[in-house]
C-alpha atoms as a PDB file:
ATOM      1  CA  UNK A   1     -10.508   6.646  11.549  1.00  0.00           C
ATOM      2  CA  UNK A   2     -10.221   7.275   7.844  1.00  0.00           C
ATOM      3  CA  UNK A   3      -9.921   5.084   4.777  1.00  0.00           C
ATOM      4  CA  UNK A   4      -7.650   6.148   1.945  1.00  0.00           C
ATOM      5  CA  UNK A   5      -7.046   4.599  -1.436  1.00  0.00           C
ATOM      6  CA  UNK A   6      -3.685   4.506  -3.197  1.00  0.00           C
ATOM      7  CA  UNK A   7      -2.839   3.090  -6.617  1.00  0.00           C
ATOM      8  CA  UNK A   8       0.367   1.048  -6.586  1.00  0.00           C
ATOM      9  CA  UNK A   9       2.144  -0.588  -9.518  1.00  0.00           C
ATOM     10  CA  UNK A  10       4.618  -3.454  -9.360  1.00  0.00           C
ATOM     11  CA  UNK A  11       2.418  -6.007  -7.595  1.00  0.00           C
ATOM     12  CA  UNK A  12       2.375  -9.257  -9.577  1.00  0.00           C
ATOM     13  CA  UNK A  13       1.199 -11.962  -7.166  1.00  0.00           C
ATOM     14  CA  UNK A  14      -0.182 -12.734  -3.713  1.00  0.00           C
ATOM     15  CA  UNK A  15       3.347 -12.599  -2.290  1.00  0.00           C
ATOM     16  CA  UNK A  16       3.561  -8.958  -3.429  1.00  0.00           C
ATOM     17  CA  UNK A  17       0.202  -8.305  -1.779  1.00  0.00           C
ATOM     18  CA  UNK A  18       1.525  -9.745   1.513  1.00  0.00           C
ATOM     19  CA  UNK A  19       4.708  -7.646   1.327  1.00  0.00           C
ATOM     20  CA  UNK A  20       2.833  -4.397   0.629  1.00  0.00           C
ATOM     21  CA  UNK A  21       0.181  -5.147   3.253  1.00  0.00           C
ATOM     22  CA  UNK A  22       2.826  -5.944   5.854  1.00  0.00           C
ATOM     23  CA  UNK A  23       4.869  -2.823   5.139  1.00  0.00           C
ATOM     24  CA  UNK A  24       1.840  -0.547   5.415  1.00  0.00           C
ATOM     25  CA  UNK A  25       0.363  -2.313   8.441  1.00  0.00           C
ATOM     26  CA  UNK A  26       3.680  -1.690  10.218  1.00  0.00           C
ATOM     27  CA  UNK A  27       3.025   2.069  10.110  1.00  0.00           C
ATOM     28  CA  UNK A  28       1.888   3.252  13.563  1.00  0.00           C
ATOM     29  CA  UNK A  29      -1.479   4.734  12.576  1.00  0.00           C
ATOM     30  CA  UNK A  30      -2.549   1.906  10.222  1.00  0.00           C
ATOM     31  CA  UNK A  31      -5.098  -0.638  11.459  1.00  0.00           C
ATOM     32  CA  UNK A  32      -5.918  -2.492   8.218  1.00  0.00           C
ATOM     33  CA  UNK A  33      -4.827  -2.800   4.585  1.00  0.00           C
ATOM     34  CA  UNK A  34      -6.796  -4.340   1.720  1.00  0.00           C
ATOM     35  CA  UNK A  35      -5.328  -4.844  -1.753  1.00  0.00           C
ATOM     36  CA  UNK A  36      -7.170  -5.506  -5.017  1.00  0.00           C
ATOM     37  CA  UNK A  37      -4.413  -7.053  -7.115  1.00  0.00           C
ATOM     38  CA  UNK A  38      -4.072  -5.978 -10.738  1.00  0.00           C
ATOM     39  CA  UNK A  39      -0.973  -7.766 -12.045  1.00  0.00           C
ATOM     40  CA  UNK A  40      -1.293  -5.959 -15.383  1.00  0.00           C
ATOM     41  CA  UNK A  41      -1.444  -2.401 -14.034  1.00  0.00           C
ATOM     42  CA  UNK A  42      -2.043  -0.443 -10.845  1.00  0.00           C
ATOM     43  CA  UNK A  43      -3.414  -2.324  -7.840  1.00  0.00           C
ATOM     44  CA  UNK A  44      -5.879  -0.603  -5.540  1.00  0.00           C
ATOM     45  CA  UNK A  45      -4.591  -0.380  -1.965  1.00  0.00           C
ATOM     46  CA  UNK A  46      -7.084   0.688   0.713  1.00  0.00           C
ATOM     47  CA  UNK A  47      -5.655   1.743   4.055  1.00  0.00           C
ATOM     48  CA  UNK A  48      -7.617   2.209   7.285  1.00  0.00           C
ATOM     49  CA  UNK A  49      -5.713   4.501   9.629  1.00  0.00           C
ATOM     50  CA  UNK A  50      -6.243   6.685  12.671  1.00  0.00           C
ATOM     51  CA  UNK A  51      -4.845   9.640  10.703  1.00  0.00           C
ATOM     52  CA  UNK A  52      -4.456  10.392   6.997  1.00  0.00           C
ATOM     53  CA  UNK A  53      -1.274   9.147   5.370  1.00  0.00           C
ATOM     54  CA  UNK A  54       0.578  11.178   2.782  1.00  0.00           C
ATOM     55  CA  UNK A  55       1.699   9.668  -0.507  1.00  0.00           C
ATOM     56  CA  UNK A  56       5.263  10.203   0.734  1.00  0.00           C
ATOM     57  CA  UNK A  57       4.613   8.084   3.841  1.00  0.00           C
ATOM     58  CA  UNK A  58       3.303   5.255   1.672  1.00  0.00           C
ATOM     59  CA  UNK A  59       6.243   5.600  -0.743  1.00  0.00           C
ATOM     60  CA  UNK A  60       8.707   5.547   2.153  1.00  0.00           C
ATOM     61  CA  UNK A  61       7.061   2.450   3.653  1.00  0.00           C
ATOM     62  CA  UNK A  62       7.351   0.608   0.325  1.00  0.00           C
ATOM     63  CA  UNK A  63      10.772   1.938  -0.707  1.00  0.00           C
ATOM     64  CA  UNK A  64      12.819  -1.008   0.612  1.00  0.00           C
ATOM     65  CA  UNK A  65      10.202  -3.685  -0.084  1.00  0.00           C
ATOM     66  CA  UNK A  66      10.533  -4.093  -3.852  1.00  0.00           C
ATOM     67  CA  UNK A  67       9.861  -2.311  -7.110  1.00  0.00           C
ATOM     68  CA  UNK A  68       6.535  -0.800  -6.043  1.00  0.00           C
ATOM     69  CA  UNK A  69       5.467   2.646  -7.214  1.00  0.00           C
ATOM     70  CA  UNK A  70       2.686   4.754  -5.769  1.00  0.00           C
ATOM     71  CA  UNK A  71       0.873   6.344  -8.723  1.00  0.00           C
ATOM     72  CA  UNK A  72      -0.306   9.900  -8.264  1.00  0.00           C
END
């Protein structure tokens, strides 16, 4: 198992945190997601998964969920 950190903009409230967490938890390899909300900038999203996720996989998972952008 590995833990990765992604910076994501566009999260403004706890509802956004739930949406992002749910979208990433739905990925097959993901076992847990933790979000440190920063409504003014980029939120820190930590993902525990059986295999490393690419930035593209995270972007694809969030693409239809709202105006969220993976930074980097």
